[in-house]
């Protein structure tokens, strides 16, 4: 008798979990559809690590435009990393960065932060190298 009751209880709990799982899945699908219908969106992420952990990543933020640019900002200690992407259009993104650097270099000298410009130029050069590598792979 106890065995039958135990089996029935387990079956009942399993059925409840399956029902909850499909409900959660439907909620996630609805949220993804709603997000996909938006013109843009932003998010914040905070990673929680145990106390005493040597490496503690900071928060990250992001903004995305539908069929447009995505910006991701990540913090780690005193360092901040900005990533700009445009849906698989690295060539167009590089052109935009080149234009931005050109405007920055030709702007008012008081507005020019040489250290910041050097960082952006290094990121731009890295993107150009990546594009060259990707172009080489496509030719082979």
Protein backbone atom coordinates (compact mmCIF):
# COMPACT_ATOMS: atom_id res chain seq x y z
CA UNK A 1 0.00 0.00 0.00
CA UNK A 2 2.79 2.45 0.93
CA UNK A 3 4.56 1.63 -2.34
CA UNK A 4 1.45 2.50 -4.39
CA UNK A 5 1.02 5.75 -2.50
CA UNK A 6 4.70 6.62 -3.00
CA UNK A 7 4.47 5.91 -6.73
CA UNK A 8 1.29 7.97 -6.99
CA UNK A 9 2.92 10.89 -5.15
CA UNK A 10 5.97 10.78 -7.43
CA UNK A 11 3.74 10.62 -10.52
CA UNK A 12 1.71 13.58 -9.27
CA UNK A 13 4.86 15.63 -8.60
CA UNK A 14 6.30 14.76 -12.01
CA UNK A 15 3.08 15.82 -13.73
CA UNK A 16 3.12 19.11 -11.80
CA UNK A 17 6.72 19.76 -12.84
CA UNK A 18 5.94 19.03 -16.48
CA UNK A 19 2.99 21.42 -16.38
CA UNK A 20 5.14 24.12 -14.77
CA UNK A 21 7.88 23.54 -17.35
CA UNK A 22 5.50 24.08 -20.29
CA UNK A 23 4.13 27.21 -18.61
CA UNK A 24 7.64 28.60 -18.15
CA UNK A 25 8.53 27.71 -21.73
CA UNK A 26 5.43 29.55 -22.99
CA UNK A 27 6.34 32.58 -20.86
CA UNK A 28 9.86 32.66 -22.29
CA UNK A 29 8.57 32.32 -25.86
CA UNK A 30 6.09 35.16 -25.31
CA UNK A 31 8.78 37.39 -23.78
CA UNK A 32 11.17 36.66 -26.68
CA UNK A 33 8.47 37.51 -29.21
CA UNK A 34 7.63 40.75 -27.38
CA UNK A 35 11.31 41.67 -27.29
CA UNK A 36 11.69 40.88 -30.99
CA UNK A 37 8.86 43.27 -31.79
CA UNK A 38 10.61 46.18 -30.03
CA UNK A 39 12.57 48.78 -32.05
CA UNK A 40 15.37 48.67 -29.45
CA UNK A 41 16.09 47.46 -25.96
CA UNK A 42 18.72 47.62 -23.24
CA UNK A 43 19.85 45.35 -20.44
CA UNK A 44 22.04 45.22 -17.33
CA UNK A 45 23.86 42.18 -16.02
CA UNK A 46 25.45 41.73 -12.62
CA UNK A 47 27.52 38.63 -11.91
CA UNK A 48 27.47 37.42 -8.31
CA UNK A 49 30.56 35.49 -7.24
CA UNK A 50 31.44 34.04 -3.84
CA UNK A 51 33.22 36.27 -1.34
CA UNK A 52 36.98 35.91 -1.50
CA UNK A 53 36.97 35.20 -5.23
CA UNK A 54 40.12 36.60 -6.80
CA UNK A 55 38.49 37.88 -9.99
CA UNK A 56 35.26 39.80 -9.59
CA UNK A 57 33.71 41.00 -12.83
CA UNK A 58 31.76 44.19 -12.59
CA UNK A 59 28.37 44.90 -14.10
CA UNK A 60 27.79 45.01 -17.83
CA UNK A 61 25.25 47.01 -19.79
CA UNK A 62 24.06 46.75 -23.33
CA UNK A 63 21.85 48.48 -25.84
CA UNK A 64 20.65 47.08 -29.14
CA UNK A 65 18.73 48.52 -32.07
CA UNK A 66 16.67 46.21 -34.23
CA UNK A 67 18.69 45.60 -37.42
CA UNK A 68 21.26 48.12 -36.18
CA UNK A 69 24.15 48.59 -33.81
CA UNK A 70 24.65 46.82 -30.51
CA UNK A 71 26.79 48.31 -27.75
CA UNK A 72 28.08 46.26 -24.84
CA UNK A 73 29.96 47.86 -21.94
CA UNK A 74 31.75 45.55 -19.49
CA UNK A 75 33.51 46.58 -16.28
CA UNK A 76 36.31 44.64 -14.58
CA UNK A 77 38.05 46.43 -11.74
CA UNK A 78 39.24 49.81 -13.03
CA UNK A 79 38.96 48.68 -16.67
CA UNK A 80 36.00 49.33 -18.95
CA UNK A 81 35.59 47.60 -22.30
CA UNK A 82 33.19 48.89 -24.94
CA UNK A 83 32.14 46.63 -27.79
CA UNK A 84 30.21 47.96 -30.77
CA UNK A 85 28.73 45.52 -33.27
CA UNK A 86 26.51 45.77 -36.25
CA UNK A 87 24.76 42.51 -37.11
CA UNK A 88 27.46 40.80 -39.13
CA UNK A 89 28.36 44.00 -40.97
CA UNK A 90 31.90 44.45 -39.74
CA UNK A 91 32.93 46.34 -42.89
CA UNK A 92 30.23 48.98 -42.39
CA UNK A 93 31.05 49.26 -38.68
CA UNK A 94 34.71 49.88 -39.53
CA UNK A 95 33.69 52.64 -41.95
CA UNK A 96 31.66 54.30 -39.19
CA UNK A 97 34.55 54.04 -36.72
CA UNK A 98 36.95 55.49 -39.30
CA UNK A 99 34.61 58.45 -39.78
CA UNK A 100 34.30 58.93 -36.01
CA UNK A 101 38.09 58.86 -35.54
CA UNK A 102 38.52 61.32 -38.40
CA UNK A 103 35.99 63.73 -36.84
CA UNK A 104 37.61 63.34 -33.44
CA UNK A 105 41.07 64.10 -34.84
CA UNK A 106 39.78 67.15 -36.73
CA UNK A 107 37.67 68.50 -33.88
CA UNK A 108 38.54 71.09 -31.27
CA UNK A 109 41.88 70.29 -29.62
CA UNK A 110 40.34 70.76 -26.17
CA UNK A 111 37.89 67.93 -26.92
CA UNK A 112 40.63 65.47 -27.91
CA UNK A 113 41.54 62.88 -25.30
CA UNK A 114 44.70 61.30 -26.75
CA UNK A 115 44.56 58.24 -24.49
CA UNK A 116 40.93 57.56 -25.41
CA UNK A 117 41.64 58.12 -29.11
CA UNK A 118 44.53 55.64 -28.93
CA UNK A 119 42.21 53.03 -27.38
CA UNK A 120 39.61 53.51 -30.11
CA UNK A 121 42.26 53.36 -32.84
CA UNK A 122 43.60 50.09 -31.41
CA UNK A 123 40.09 48.62 -31.36
CA UNK A 124 39.56 49.83 -34.92
CA UNK A 125 42.82 48.26 -36.06
CA UNK A 126 41.82 44.97 -34.40
CA UNK A 127 38.50 45.06 -36.27
CA UNK A 128 40.33 45.69 -39.57
CA UNK A 129 42.61 42.70 -38.94
CA UNK A 130 39.58 40.55 -38.15
CA UNK A 131 37.88 41.66 -41.36
CA UNK A 132 41.02 40.84 -43.36
CA UNK A 133 41.15 37.36 -41.81
CA UNK A 134 37.45 36.77 -42.50
CA UNK A 135 37.86 37.96 -46.10
CA UNK A 136 40.79 35.56 -46.56
CA UNK A 137 38.72 32.62 -45.29
CA UNK A 138 35.90 33.41 -47.71
CA UNK A 139 38.25 33.38 -50.70
CA UNK A 140 39.63 29.91 -49.86
